[in-house]
Amino acid sequence: CRAVGIINVVGLVIDVWSVCYFSFELILRIAAIGPQHFWSLVGLCDILSLVAIMWCLAPAHRRQVFPPTFNHKVTWEDLVIPLRLLRLVAMDSYLAALQVMRHVFRCNRLPLLTVCYTL
C-alpha cells in the first residue's frame, strides 16, 4: 500500500534528523560536562538510544524491527524498541530546564515587558 510506504519514508527521515540532532547534543553535553557524562544515567540512556536509532537506519534492520515480533527468546531486535524509548529518559532533563525558564519569565515579566517595549 502506498500509505505504508510514505509512513516508512517519513519515519526514516525523522530517524535521520533524530540521529543528527541527538548526536550533536551528546557532543555538546560531553564538551560541557566532561567524560563523566558517559557514566551518568542520562549519558547511558543517550548512548544506548542513539545506537538503537542508528541501527534502525538500515532498511534491512528496519524491516526486522518494525513491527516488533517478540519471540520466546530475547534477541537484539526485541530490545531495539525499548532502547529507542530510553530517549524519553534523556529528554526528561529538558523538561526541568523548561520549567525553570518558565518560572524565571513569569517572575520577571514586568521588567521583561518594559525592556521589550523600549526596544
PDB file of N, CA and C in Angstrom:
ATOM      1  N   CYS A   1       0.843  -1.175   0.000  1.00  0.00           N
ATOM      2  CA  CYS A   1       0.000   0.000   0.000  1.00  0.00           C
ATOM      3  C   CYS A   1       0.896   1.249   0.000  1.00  0.00           C
ATOM      4  N   ARG A   2       0.474   2.254  -0.712  1.00  0.00           N
ATOM      5  CA  ARG A   2       1.281   3.460  -0.861  1.00  0.00           C
ATOM      6  C   ARG A   2       1.396   4.231   0.456  1.00  0.00           C
ATOM      7  N   ALA A   3       0.340   4.219   1.264  1.00  0.00           N
ATOM      8  CA  ALA A   3       0.369   4.956   2.539  1.00  0.00           C
ATOM      9  C   ALA A   3       1.412   4.374   3.482  1.00  0.00           C
ATOM     10  N   VAL A   4       1.567   3.052   3.477  1.00  0.00           N
ATOM     11  CA  VAL A   4       2.567   2.415   4.332  1.00  0.00           C
ATOM     12  C   VAL A   4       3.967   2.822   3.894  1.00  0.00           C
ATOM     13  N   GLY A   5       4.192   2.907   2.589  1.00  0.00           N
ATOM     14  CA  GLY A   5       5.492   3.345   2.079  1.00  0.00           C
ATOM     15  C   GLY A   5       5.814   4.779   2.471  1.00  0.00           C
ATOM     16  N   ILE A   6       4.805   5.650   2.424  1.00  0.00           N
ATOM     17  CA  ILE A   6       5.009   7.042   2.818  1.00  0.00           C
ATOM     18  C   ILE A   6       5.311   7.131   4.304  1.00  0.00           C
ATOM     19  N   ILE A   7       4.603   6.348   5.111  1.00  0.00           N
ATOM     20  CA  ILE A   7       4.844   6.346   6.561  1.00  0.00           C
ATOM     21  C   ILE A   7       6.257   5.857   6.859  1.00  0.00           C
ATOM     22  N   ASN A   8       6.720   4.844   6.146  1.00  0.00           N
ATOM     23  CA  ASN A   8       8.085   4.342   6.358  1.00  0.00           C
ATOM     24  C   ASN A   8       9.130   5.396   5.989  1.00  0.00           C
ATOM     25  N   VAL A   9       8.908   6.123   4.901  1.00  0.00           N
ATOM     26  CA  VAL A   9       9.852   7.161   4.492  1.00  0.00           C
ATOM     27  C   VAL A   9       9.864   8.296   5.512  1.00  0.00           C
ATOM     28  N   VAL A  10       8.693   8.712   5.988  1.00  0.00           N
ATOM     29  CA  VAL A  10       8.620   9.773   6.995  1.00  0.00           C
ATOM     30  C   VAL A  10       9.320   9.326   8.280  1.00  0.00           C
ATOM     31  N   GLY A  11       9.100   8.071   8.685  1.00  0.00           N
ATOM     32  CA  GLY A  11       9.777   7.548   9.869  1.00  0.00           C
ATOM     33  C   GLY A  11      11.286   7.524   9.706  1.00  0.00           C
ATOM     34  N   LEU A  12      11.748   7.175   8.520  1.00  0.00           N
ATOM     35  CA  LEU A  12      13.186   7.156   8.256  1.00  0.00           C
ATOM     36  C   LEU A  12      13.775   8.570   8.304  1.00  0.00           C
ATOM     37  N   VAL A  13      13.063   9.535   7.736  1.00  0.00           N
ATOM     38  CA  VAL A  13      13.533  10.928   7.770  1.00  0.00           C
ATOM     39  C   VAL A  13      13.593  11.425   9.215  1.00  0.00           C
ATOM     40  N   ILE A  14      12.585  11.107  10.010  1.00  0.00           N
ATOM     41  CA  ILE A  14      12.588  11.507  11.423  1.00  0.00           C
ATOM     42  C   ILE A  14      13.762  10.863  12.148  1.00  0.00           C
ATOM     43  N   ASP A  15      14.038   9.604  11.851  1.00  0.00           N
ATOM     44  CA  ASP A  15      15.175   8.928  12.488  1.00  0.00           C
ATOM     45  C   ASP A  15      16.506   9.565  12.098  1.00  0.00           C
ATOM     46  N   VAL A  16      16.661   9.926  10.835  1.00  0.00           N
ATOM     47  CA  VAL A  16      17.909  10.561  10.387  1.00  0.00           C
ATOM     48  C   VAL A  16      18.107  11.896  11.094  1.00  0.00           C
ATOM     49  N   TRP A  17      17.068  12.719  11.154  1.00  0.00           N
ATOM     50  CA  TRP A  17      17.173  14.003  11.851  1.00  0.00           C
ATOM     51  C   TRP A  17      17.408  13.798  13.342  1.00  0.00           C
ATOM     52  N   SER A  18      16.784  12.769  13.924  1.00  0.00           N
ATOM     53  CA  SER A  18      16.990  12.492  15.347  1.00  0.00           C
ATOM     54  C   SER A  18      18.437  12.125  15.628  1.00  0.00           C
ATOM     55  N   VAL A  19      19.012  11.290  14.777  1.00  0.00           N
ATOM     56  CA  VAL A  19      20.411  10.901  14.968  1.00  0.00           C
ATOM     57  C   VAL A  19      21.317  12.116  14.862  1.00  0.00           C
ATOM     58  N   CYS A  20      21.076  12.962  13.883  1.00  0.00           N
ATOM     59  CA  CYS A  20      21.910  14.166  13.725  1.00  0.00           C
ATOM     60  C   CYS A  20      21.784  15.086  14.932  1.00  0.00           C
ATOM     61  N   TYR A  21      20.557  15.373  15.340  1.00  0.00           N
ATOM     62  CA  TYR A  21      20.329  16.300  16.446  1.00  0.00           C
ATOM     63  C   TYR A  21      20.874  15.749  17.761  1.00  0.00           C
ATOM     64  N   PHE A  22      20.534  14.505  18.080  1.00  0.00           N
ATOM     65  CA  PHE A  22      20.931  13.966  19.374  1.00  0.00           C
ATOM     66  C   PHE A  22      22.420  13.619  19.429  1.00  0.00           C
ATOM     67  N   SER A  23      23.040  13.352  18.295  1.00  0.00           N
ATOM     68  CA  SER A  23      24.500  13.180  18.285  1.00  0.00           C
ATOM     69  C   SER A  23      25.188  14.508  18.578  1.00  0.00           C
ATOM     70  N   PHE A  24      24.703  15.572  17.959  1.00  0.00           N
ATOM     71  CA  PHE A  24      25.251  16.903  18.221  1.00  0.00           C
ATOM     72  C   PHE A  24      25.031  17.289  19.680  1.00  0.00           C
ATOM     73  N   GLU A  25      23.855  16.968  20.205  1.00  0.00           N
ATOM     74  CA  GLU A  25      23.557  17.274  21.596  1.00  0.00           C
ATOM     75  C   GLU A  25      24.469  16.490  22.533  1.00  0.00           C
ATOM     76  N   LEU A  26      24.742  15.228  22.215  1.00  0.00           N
ATOM     77  CA  LEU A  26      25.636  14.408  23.030  1.00  0.00           C
ATOM     78  C   LEU A  26      27.051  14.986  23.025  1.00  0.00           C
ATOM     79  N   ILE A  27      27.517  15.425  21.869  1.00  0.00           N
ATOM     80  CA  ILE A  27      28.850  16.027  21.778  1.00  0.00           C
ATOM     81  C   ILE A  27      28.921  17.302  22.619  1.00  0.00           C
ATOM     82  N   LEU A  28      27.872  18.120  22.552  1.00  0.00           N
ATOM     83  CA  LEU A  28      27.855  19.350  23.347  1.00  0.00           C
ATOM     84  C   LEU A  28      27.814  19.063  24.841  1.00  0.00           C
ATOM     85  N   ARG A  29      27.051  18.057  25.239  1.00  0.00           N
ATOM     86  CA  ARG A  29      26.994  17.701  26.664  1.00  0.00           C
ATOM     87  C   ARG A  29      28.352  17.198  27.150  1.00  0.00           C
ATOM     88  N   ILE A  30      29.009  16.393  26.342  1.00  0.00           N
ATOM     89  CA  ILE A  30      30.331  15.892  26.740  1.00  0.00           C
ATOM     90  C   ILE A  30      31.324  17.050  26.830  1.00  0.00           C
ATOM     91  N   ALA A  31      31.216  18.016  25.905  1.00  0.00           N
ATOM     92  CA  ALA A  31      32.106  19.182  25.957  1.00  0.00           C
ATOM     93  C   ALA A  31      31.822  20.030  27.193  1.00  0.00           C
ATOM     94  N   ALA A  32      30.551  20.139  27.577  1.00  0.00           N
ATOM     95  CA  ALA A  32      30.198  20.979  28.722  1.00  0.00           C
ATOM     96  C   ALA A  32      30.448  20.288  30.053  1.00  0.00           C
ATOM     97  N   ILE A  33      30.092  19.016  30.143  1.00  0.00           N
ATOM     98  CA  ILE A  33      30.162  18.304  31.427  1.00  0.00           C
ATOM     99  C   ILE A  33      31.475  17.553  31.582  1.00  0.00           C
ATOM    100  N   GLY A  34      31.954  17.002  30.493  1.00  0.00           N
ATOM    101  CA  GLY A  34      33.171  16.207  30.553  1.00  0.00           C
ATOM    102  C   GLY A  34      32.867  14.735  30.340  1.00  0.00           C
ATOM    103  N   PRO A  35      33.902  13.903  30.396  1.00  0.00           N
ATOM    104  CA  PRO A  35      33.713  12.476  30.108  1.00  0.00           C
ATOM    105  C   PRO A  35      32.861  11.746  31.144  1.00  0.00           C
ATOM    106  N   GLN A  36      32.639  12.326  32.315  1.00  0.00           N
ATOM    107  CA  GLN A  36      31.808  11.647  33.302  1.00  0.00           C
ATOM    108  C   GLN A  36      30.348  11.560  32.851  1.00  0.00           C
ATOM    109  N   HIS A  37      29.979  12.295  31.792  1.00  0.00           N
ATOM    110  CA  HIS A  37      28.615  12.201  31.256  1.00  0.00           C
ATOM    111  C   HIS A  37      28.315  10.781  30.759  1.00  0.00           C
ATOM    112  N   PHE A  38      29.345  10.080  30.274  1.00  0.00           N
ATOM    113  CA  PHE A  38      29.142   8.707  29.799  1.00  0.00           C
ATOM    114  C   PHE A  38      28.605   7.804  30.896  1.00  0.00           C
ATOM    115  N   TRP A  39      29.013   8.024  32.121  1.00  0.00           N
ATOM    116  CA  TRP A  39      28.665   7.114  33.207  1.00  0.00           C
ATOM    117  C   TRP A  39      27.438   7.557  33.986  1.00  0.00           C
ATOM    118  N   SER A  40      26.835   8.672  33.612  1.00  0.00           N
ATOM    119  CA  SER A  40      25.599   9.091  34.267  1.00  0.00           C
ATOM    120  C   SER A  40      24.424   8.357  33.638  1.00  0.00           C
ATOM    121  N   LEU A  41      23.272   8.398  34.305  1.00  0.00           N
ATOM    122  CA  LEU A  41      22.083   7.732  33.780  1.00  0.00           C
ATOM    123  C   LEU A  41      21.662   8.349  32.458  1.00  0.00           C
ATOM    124  N   VAL A  42      21.693   9.667  32.392  1.00  0.00           N
ATOM    125  CA  VAL A  42      21.307  10.348  31.148  1.00  0.00           C
ATOM    126  C   VAL A  42      22.289  10.006  30.029  1.00  0.00           C
ATOM    127  N   GLY A  43      23.575   9.936  30.339  1.00  0.00           N
ATOM    128  CA  GLY A  43      24.570   9.601  29.325  1.00  0.00           C
ATOM    129  C   GLY A  43      24.404   8.195  28.790  1.00  0.00           C
ATOM    130  N   LEU A  44      24.173   7.238  29.678  1.00  0.00           N
ATOM    131  CA  LEU A  44      23.953   5.857  29.224  1.00  0.00           C
ATOM    132  C   LEU A  44      22.682   5.748  28.388  1.00  0.00           C
ATOM    133  N   CYS A  45      21.628   6.449  28.795  1.00  0.00           N
ATOM    134  CA  CYS A  45      20.390   6.440  28.001  1.00  0.00           C
ATOM    135  C   CYS A  45      20.613   7.086  26.642  1.00  0.00           C
ATOM    136  N   ASP A  46      21.390   8.172  26.604  1.00  0.00           N
ATOM    137  CA  ASP A  46      21.727   8.819  25.335  1.00  0.00           C
ATOM    138  C   ASP A  46      22.415   7.850  24.390  1.00  0.00           C
ATOM    139  N   ILE A  47      23.444   7.205  24.890  1.00  0.00           N
ATOM    140  CA  ILE A  47      24.262   6.337  24.037  1.00  0.00           C
ATOM    141  C   ILE A  47      23.475   5.121  23.568  1.00  0.00           C
ATOM    142  N   LEU A  48      22.767   4.466  24.477  1.00  0.00           N
ATOM    143  CA  LEU A  48      22.008   3.265  24.098  1.00  0.00           C
ATOM    144  C   LEU A  48      20.895   3.594  23.109  1.00  0.00           C
ATOM    145  N   SER A  49      20.200   4.702  23.331  1.00  0.00           N
ATOM    146  CA  SER A  49      19.120   5.044  22.405  1.00  0.00           C
ATOM    147  C   SER A  49      19.667   5.479  21.043  1.00  0.00           C
ATOM    148  N   LEU A  50      20.804   6.171  21.028  1.00  0.00           N
ATOM    149  CA  LEU A  50      21.408   6.542  19.747  1.00  0.00           C
ATOM    150  C   LEU A  50      21.850   5.319  18.957  1.00  0.00           C
ATOM    151  N   VAL A  51      22.427   4.342  19.644  1.00  0.00           N
ATOM    152  CA  VAL A  51      22.835   3.108  18.961  1.00  0.00           C
ATOM    153  C   VAL A  51      21.615   2.407  18.370  1.00  0.00           C
ATOM    154  N   ALA A  52      20.523   2.350  19.132  1.00  0.00           N
ATOM    155  CA  ALA A  52      19.314   1.689  18.632  1.00  0.00           C
ATOM    156  C   ALA A  52      18.721   2.426  17.441  1.00  0.00           C
ATOM    157  N   ILE A  53      18.702   3.754  17.498  1.00  0.00           N
ATOM    158  CA  ILE A  53      18.154   4.521  16.370  1.00  0.00           C
ATOM    159  C   ILE A  53      19.048   4.388  15.148  1.00  0.00           C
ATOM    160  N   MET A  54      20.371   4.438  15.338  1.00  0.00           N
ATOM    161  CA  MET A  54      21.293   4.281  14.208  1.00  0.00           C
ATOM    162  C   MET A  54      21.161   2.899  13.576  1.00  0.00           C
ATOM    163  N   TRP A  55      20.935   1.894  14.399  1.00  0.00           N
ATOM    164  CA  TRP A  55      20.808   0.539  13.877  1.00  0.00           C
ATOM    165  C   TRP A  55      19.565   0.415  13.002  1.00  0.00           C
ATOM    166  N   CYS A  56      18.519   1.187  13.323  1.00  0.00           N
ATOM    167  CA  CYS A  56      17.279   1.139  12.542  1.00  0.00           C
ATOM    168  C   CYS A  56      17.357   1.911  11.229  1.00  0.00           C
ATOM    169  N   LEU A  57      18.436   2.622  10.986  1.00  0.00           N
ATOM    170  CA  LEU A  57      18.538   3.384   9.741  1.00  0.00           C
ATOM    171  C   LEU A  57      18.716   2.482   8.522  1.00  0.00           C
ATOM    172  N   ALA A  58      19.295   1.322   8.708  1.00  0.00           N
ATOM    173  CA  ALA A  58      19.469   0.394   7.582  1.00  0.00           C
ATOM    174  C   ALA A  58      18.118  -0.239   7.247  1.00  0.00           C
ATOM    175  N   PRO A  59      17.725  -0.223   5.975  1.00  0.00           N
ATOM    176  CA  PRO A  59      16.403  -0.752   5.602  1.00  0.00           C
ATOM    177  C   PRO A  59      16.193  -2.215   5.996  1.00  0.00           C
ATOM    178  N   ALA A  60      17.223  -3.037   5.895  1.00  0.00           N
ATOM    179  CA  ALA A  60      17.064  -4.449   6.255  1.00  0.00           C
ATOM    180  C   ALA A  60      16.775  -4.603   7.755  1.00  0.00           C
ATOM    181  N   HIS A  61      17.461  -3.828   8.559  1.00  0.00           N
ATOM    182  CA  HIS A  61      17.243  -3.890  10.009  1.00  0.00           C
ATOM    183  C   HIS A  61      15.885  -3.304  10.366  1.00  0.00           C
ATOM    184  N   ARG A  62      15.491  -2.265   9.651  1.00  0.00           N
ATOM    185  CA  ARG A  62      14.204  -1.609   9.918  1.00  0.00           C
ATOM    186  C   ARG A  62      13.050  -2.573   9.694  1.00  0.00           C
ATOM    187  N   ARG A  63      13.136  -3.392   8.667  1.00  0.00           N
ATOM    188  CA  ARG A  63      12.071  -4.374   8.401  1.00  0.00           C
ATOM    189  C   ARG A  63      12.008  -5.434   9.484  1.00  0.00           C
ATOM    190  N   GLN A  64      13.142  -5.753  10.098  1.00  0.00           N
ATOM    191  CA  GLN A  64      13.146  -6.752  11.171  1.00  0.00           C
ATOM    192  C   GLN A  64      12.553  -6.201  12.458  1.00  0.00           C
ATOM    193  N   VAL A  65      12.715  -4.909  12.674  1.00  0.00           N
ATOM    194  CA  VAL A  65      12.309  -4.308  13.948  1.00  0.00           C
ATOM    195  C   VAL A  65      10.869  -3.821  13.923  1.00  0.00           C
ATOM    196  N   PHE A  66      10.437  -3.219  12.826  1.00  0.00           N
ATOM    197  CA  PHE A  66       9.089  -2.661  12.729  1.00  0.00           C
ATOM    198  C   PHE A  66       8.226  -3.511  11.836  1.00  0.00           C
ATOM    199  N   PRO A  67       7.110  -4.029  12.246  1.00  0.00           N
ATOM    200  CA  PRO A  67       6.578  -4.092  13.604  1.00  0.00           C
ATOM    201  C   PRO A  67       7.327  -5.145  14.413  1.00  0.00           C
ATOM    202  N   PRO A  68       7.405  -4.958  15.735  1.00  0.00           N
ATOM    203  CA  PRO A  68       8.165  -5.913  16.555  1.00  0.00           C
ATOM    204  C   PRO A  68       7.456  -7.256  16.651  1.00  0.00           C
ATOM    205  N   THR A  69       8.234  -8.316  16.577  1.00  0.00           N
ATOM    206  CA  THR A  69       7.721  -9.670  16.805  1.00  0.00           C
ATOM    207  C   THR A  69       8.503 -10.250  17.963  1.00  0.00           C
ATOM    208  N   PHE A  70       7.845 -10.372  19.091  1.00  0.00           N
ATOM    209  CA  PHE A  70       8.515 -10.843  20.297  1.00  0.00           C
ATOM    210  C   PHE A  70       8.491 -12.367  20.305  1.00  0.00           C
ATOM    211  N   ASN A  71       9.661 -12.953  20.128  1.00  0.00           N
ATOM    212  CA  ASN A  71       9.797 -14.403  20.122  1.00  0.00           C
ATOM    213  C   ASN A  71       9.983 -14.908  21.542  1.00  0.00           C
ATOM    214  N   HIS A  72      10.084 -16.213  21.691  1.00  0.00           N
ATOM    215  CA  HIS A  72      10.267 -16.785  23.017  1.00  0.00           C
ATOM    216  C   HIS A  72      11.661 -16.529  23.572  1.00  0.00           C
ATOM    217  N   LYS A  73      12.619 -16.241  22.704  1.00  0.00           N
ATOM    218  CA  LYS A  73      13.959 -15.902  23.182  1.00  0.00           C
ATOM    219  C   LYS A  73      14.229 -14.425  22.919  1.00  0.00           C
ATOM    220  N   VAL A  74      15.022 -13.825  23.783  1.00  0.00           N
ATOM    221  CA  VAL A  74      15.328 -12.400  23.664  1.00  0.00           C
ATOM    222  C   VAL A  74      16.462 -12.214  22.654  1.00  0.00           C
ATOM    223  N   THR A  75      16.213 -11.391  21.674  1.00  0.00           N
ATOM    224  CA  THR A  75      17.226 -11.069  20.673  1.00  0.00           C
ATOM    225  C   THR A  75      17.393  -9.558  20.616  1.00  0.00           C
ATOM    226  N   TRP A  76      18.402  -9.115  19.888  1.00  0.00           N
ATOM    227  CA  TRP A  76      18.657  -7.687  19.756  1.00  0.00           C
ATOM    228  C   TRP A  76      17.447  -6.980  19.152  1.00  0.00           C
ATOM    229  N   GLU A  77      16.784  -7.605  18.175  1.00  0.00           N
ATOM    230  CA  GLU A  77      15.646  -6.971  17.524  1.00  0.00           C
ATOM    231  C   GLU A  77      14.512  -6.704  18.506  1.00  0.00           C
ATOM    232  N   ASP A  78      14.367  -7.560  19.515  1.00  0.00           N
ATOM    233  CA  ASP A  78      13.324  -7.354  20.519  1.00  0.00           C
ATOM    234  C   ASP A  78      13.664  -6.220  21.476  1.00  0.00           C
ATOM    235  N   LEU A  79      14.929  -5.877  21.595  1.00  0.00           N
ATOM    236  CA  LEU A  79      15.349  -4.830  22.525  1.00  0.00           C
ATOM    237  C   LEU A  79      15.429  -3.448  21.894  1.00  0.00           C
ATOM    238  N   VAL A  80      15.336  -3.363  20.571  1.00  0.00           N
ATOM    239  CA  VAL A  80      15.530  -2.078  19.897  1.00  0.00           C
ATOM    240  C   VAL A  80      14.444  -1.075  20.278  1.00  0.00           C
ATOM    241  N   ILE A  81      13.193  -1.489  20.292  1.00  0.00           N
ATOM    242  CA  ILE A  81      12.102  -0.561  20.623  1.00  0.00           C
ATOM    243  C   ILE A  81      12.247  -0.026  22.053  1.00  0.00           C
ATOM    244  N   PRO A  82      12.452  -0.884  23.080  1.00  0.00           N
ATOM    245  CA  PRO A  82      12.664  -0.318  24.422  1.00  0.00           C
ATOM    246  C   PRO A  82      13.898   0.576  24.517  1.00  0.00           C
ATOM    247  N   LEU A  83      14.957   0.240  23.784  1.00  0.00           N
ATOM    248  CA  LEU A  83      16.148   1.094  23.811  1.00  0.00           C
ATOM    249  C   LEU A  83      15.883   2.446  23.157  1.00  0.00           C
ATOM    250  N   ARG A  84      15.062   2.459  22.111  1.00  0.00           N
ATOM    251  CA  ARG A  84      14.696   3.733  21.488  1.00  0.00           C
ATOM    252  C   ARG A  84      13.875   4.591  22.448  1.00  0.00           C
ATOM    253  N   LEU A  85      13.077   3.936  23.284  1.00  0.00           N
ATOM    254  CA  LEU A  85      12.263   4.666  24.253  1.00  0.00           C
ATOM    255  C   LEU A  85      13.096   5.276  25.378  1.00  0.00           C
ATOM    256  N   LEU A  86      14.333   4.816  25.543  1.00  0.00           N
ATOM    257  CA  LEU A  86      15.215   5.434  26.537  1.00  0.00           C
ATOM    258  C   LEU A  86      15.475   6.906  26.226  1.00  0.00           C
ATOM    259  N   ARG A  87      15.236   7.314  24.995  1.00  0.00           N
ATOM    260  CA  ARG A  87      15.395   8.715  24.620  1.00  0.00           C
ATOM    261  C   ARG A  87      14.485   9.591  25.479  1.00  0.00           C
ATOM    262  N   LEU A  88      13.337   9.056  25.893  1.00  0.00           N
ATOM    263  CA  LEU A  88      12.427   9.828  26.741  1.00  0.00           C
ATOM    264  C   LEU A  88      13.047  10.122  28.100  1.00  0.00           C
ATOM    265  N   VAL A  89      13.846   9.190  28.627  1.00  0.00           N
ATOM    266  CA  VAL A  89      14.528   9.430  29.897  1.00  0.00           C
ATOM    267  C   VAL A  89      15.549  10.547  29.726  1.00  0.00           C
ATOM    268  N   ALA A  90      16.255  10.531  28.615  1.00  0.00           N
ATOM    269  CA  ALA A  90      17.246  11.575  28.365  1.00  0.00           C
ATOM    270  C   ALA A  90      16.573  12.921  28.136  1.00  0.00           C
ATOM    271  N   MET A  91      15.400  12.931  27.520  1.00  0.00           N
ATOM    272  CA  MET A  91      14.702  14.184  27.257  1.00  0.00           C
ATOM    273  C   MET A  91      14.054  14.751  28.516  1.00  0.00           C
ATOM    274  N   ASP A  92      13.958  13.957  29.572  1.00  0.00           N
ATOM    275  CA  ASP A  92      13.376  14.434  30.814  1.00  0.00           C
ATOM    276  C   ASP A  92      14.186  15.591  31.395  1.00  0.00           C
ATOM    277  N   SER A  93      15.476  15.634  31.133  1.00  0.00           N
ATOM    278  CA  SER A  93      16.297  16.737  31.630  1.00  0.00           C
ATOM    279  C   SER A  93      15.910  18.064  30.984  1.00  0.00           C
ATOM    280  N   TYR A  94      15.355  18.014  29.757  1.00  0.00           N
ATOM    281  CA  TYR A  94      14.891  19.238  29.116  1.00  0.00           C
ATOM    282  C   TYR A  94      13.686  19.815  29.838  1.00  0.00           C
ATOM    283  N   LEU A  95      12.796  18.949  30.307  1.00  0.00           N
ATOM    284  CA  LEU A  95      11.563  19.422  30.925  1.00  0.00           C
ATOM    285  C   LEU A  95      11.832  20.226  32.185  1.00  0.00           C
ATOM    286  N   ALA A  96      12.779  19.798  32.982  1.00  0.00           N
ATOM    287  CA  ALA A  96      13.114  20.539  34.197  1.00  0.00           C
ATOM    288  C   ALA A  96      13.681  21.916  33.844  1.00  0.00           C
ATOM    289  N   ALA A  97      14.509  21.979  32.823  1.00  0.00           N
ATOM    290  CA  ALA A  97      15.079  23.261  32.406  1.00  0.00           C
ATOM    291  C   ALA A  97      13.993  24.189  31.869  1.00  0.00           C
ATOM    292  N   LEU A  98      13.052  23.654  31.128  1.00  0.00           N
ATOM    293  CA  LEU A  98      11.956  24.482  30.617  1.00  0.00           C
ATOM    294  C   LEU A  98      11.067  24.993  31.744  1.00  0.00           C
ATOM    295  N   GLN A  99      10.871  24.187  32.773  1.00  0.00           N
ATOM    296  CA  GLN A  99      10.083  24.599  33.935  1.00  0.00           C
ATOM    297  C   GLN A  99      10.765  25.781  34.643  1.00  0.00           C
ATOM    298  N   VAL A 100      12.077  25.705  34.810  1.00  0.00           N
ATOM    299  CA  VAL A 100      12.814  26.800  35.443  1.00  0.00           C
ATOM    300  C   VAL A 100      12.730  28.063  34.590  1.00  0.00           C
ATOM    301  N   MET A 101      12.881  27.923  33.288  1.00  0.00           N
ATOM    302  CA  MET A 101      12.800  29.083  32.389  1.00  0.00           C
ATOM    303  C   MET A 101      11.421  29.738  32.466  1.00  0.00           C
ATOM    304  N   ARG A 102      10.386  28.926  32.549  1.00  0.00           N
ATOM    305  CA  ARG A 102       9.027  29.460  32.652  1.00  0.00           C
ATOM    306  C   ARG A 102       8.859  30.263  33.938  1.00  0.00           C
ATOM    307  N   HIS A 103       9.385  29.754  35.049  1.00  0.00           N
ATOM    308  CA  HIS A 103       9.290  30.471  36.318  1.00  0.00           C
ATOM    309  C   HIS A 103      10.086  31.776  36.283  1.00  0.00           C
ATOM    310  N   VAL A 104      11.241  31.764  35.666  1.00  0.00           N
ATOM    311  CA  VAL A 104      12.048  32.993  35.561  1.00  0.00           C
ATOM    312  C   VAL A 104      11.297  34.041  34.754  1.00  0.00           C
ATOM    313  N   PHE A 105      10.743  33.652  33.615  1.00  0.00           N
ATOM    314  CA  PHE A 105       9.999  34.611  32.805  1.00  0.00           C
ATOM    315  C   PHE A 105       8.743  35.090  33.522  1.00  0.00           C
ATOM    316  N   ARG A 106       8.108  34.205  34.257  1.00  0.00           N
ATOM    317  CA  ARG A 106       6.890  34.574  34.977  1.00  0.00           C
ATOM    318  C   ARG A 106       7.192  35.555  36.112  1.00  0.00           C
ATOM    319  N   CYS A 107       8.256  35.306  36.844  1.00  0.00           N
ATOM    320  CA  CYS A 107       8.608  36.194  37.961  1.00  0.00           C
ATOM    321  C   CYS A 107       9.111  37.549  37.477  1.00  0.00           C
ATOM    322  N   ASN A 108       9.719  37.593  36.317  1.00  0.00           N
ATOM    323  CA  ASN A 108      10.308  38.834  35.795  1.00  0.00           C
ATOM    324  C   ASN A 108       9.552  39.371  34.592  1.00  0.00           C
ATOM    325  N   ARG A 109       8.271  39.111  34.509  1.00  0.00           N
ATOM    326  CA  ARG A 109       7.529  39.508  33.314  1.00  0.00           C
ATOM    327  C   ARG A 109       7.427  41.023  33.156  1.00  0.00           C
ATOM    328  N   LEU A 110       7.265  41.768  34.237  1.00  0.00           N
ATOM    329  CA  LEU A 110       7.162  43.229  34.110  1.00  0.00           C
ATOM    330  C   LEU A 110       8.474  43.860  33.642  1.00  0.00           C
ATOM    331  N   PRO A 111       9.620  43.508  34.234  1.00  0.00           N
ATOM    332  CA  PRO A 111      10.863  44.072  33.681  1.00  0.00           C
ATOM    333  C   PRO A 111      11.119  43.645  32.238  1.00  0.00           C
ATOM    334  N   LEU A 112      10.771  42.413  31.906  1.00  0.00           N
ATOM    335  CA  LEU A 112      10.970  41.946  30.531  1.00  0.00           C
ATOM    336  C   LEU A 112      10.056  42.689  29.563  1.00  0.00           C
ATOM    337  N   LEU A 113       8.827  42.943  29.966  1.00  0.00           N
ATOM    338  CA  LEU A 113       7.914  43.707  29.107  1.00  0.00           C
ATOM    339  C   LEU A 113       8.404  45.146  28.925  1.00  0.00           C
ATOM    340  N   THR A 114       8.962  45.707  29.976  1.00  0.00           N
ATOM    341  CA  THR A 114       9.496  47.070  29.889  1.00  0.00           C
ATOM    342  C   THR A 114      10.667  47.108  28.906  1.00  0.00           C
ATOM    343  N   VAL A 115      11.552  46.139  29.015  1.00  0.00           N
ATOM    344  CA  VAL A 115      12.701  46.093  28.116  1.00  0.00           C
ATOM    345  C   VAL A 115      12.248  45.883  26.683  1.00  0.00           C
ATOM    346  N   CYS A 116      11.297  44.982  26.475  1.00  0.00           N
ATOM    347  CA  CYS A 116      10.803  44.728  25.118  1.00  0.00           C
ATOM    348  C   CYS A 116      10.111  45.960  24.543  1.00  0.00           C
ATOM    349  N   TYR A 117       9.408  46.704  25.394  1.00  0.00           N
ATOM    350  CA  TYR A 117       8.714  47.919  24.925  1.00  0.00           C
ATOM    351  C   TYR A 117       9.709  49.002  24.524  1.00  0.00           C
ATOM    352  N   THR A 118      10.780  49.141  25.296  1.00  0.00           N
ATOM    353  CA  THR A 118      11.749  50.195  24.985  1.00  0.00           C
ATOM    354  C   THR A 118      12.598  49.853  23.756  1.00  0.00           C
ATOM    355  N   LEU A 119      12.714  48.582  23.436  1.00  0.00           N
ATOM    356  CA  LEU A 119      13.489  48.213  22.246  1.00  0.00           C
ATOM    357  C   LEU A 119      12.678  48.548  21.011  1.00  0.00           C
TER     358      LEU A 119
END
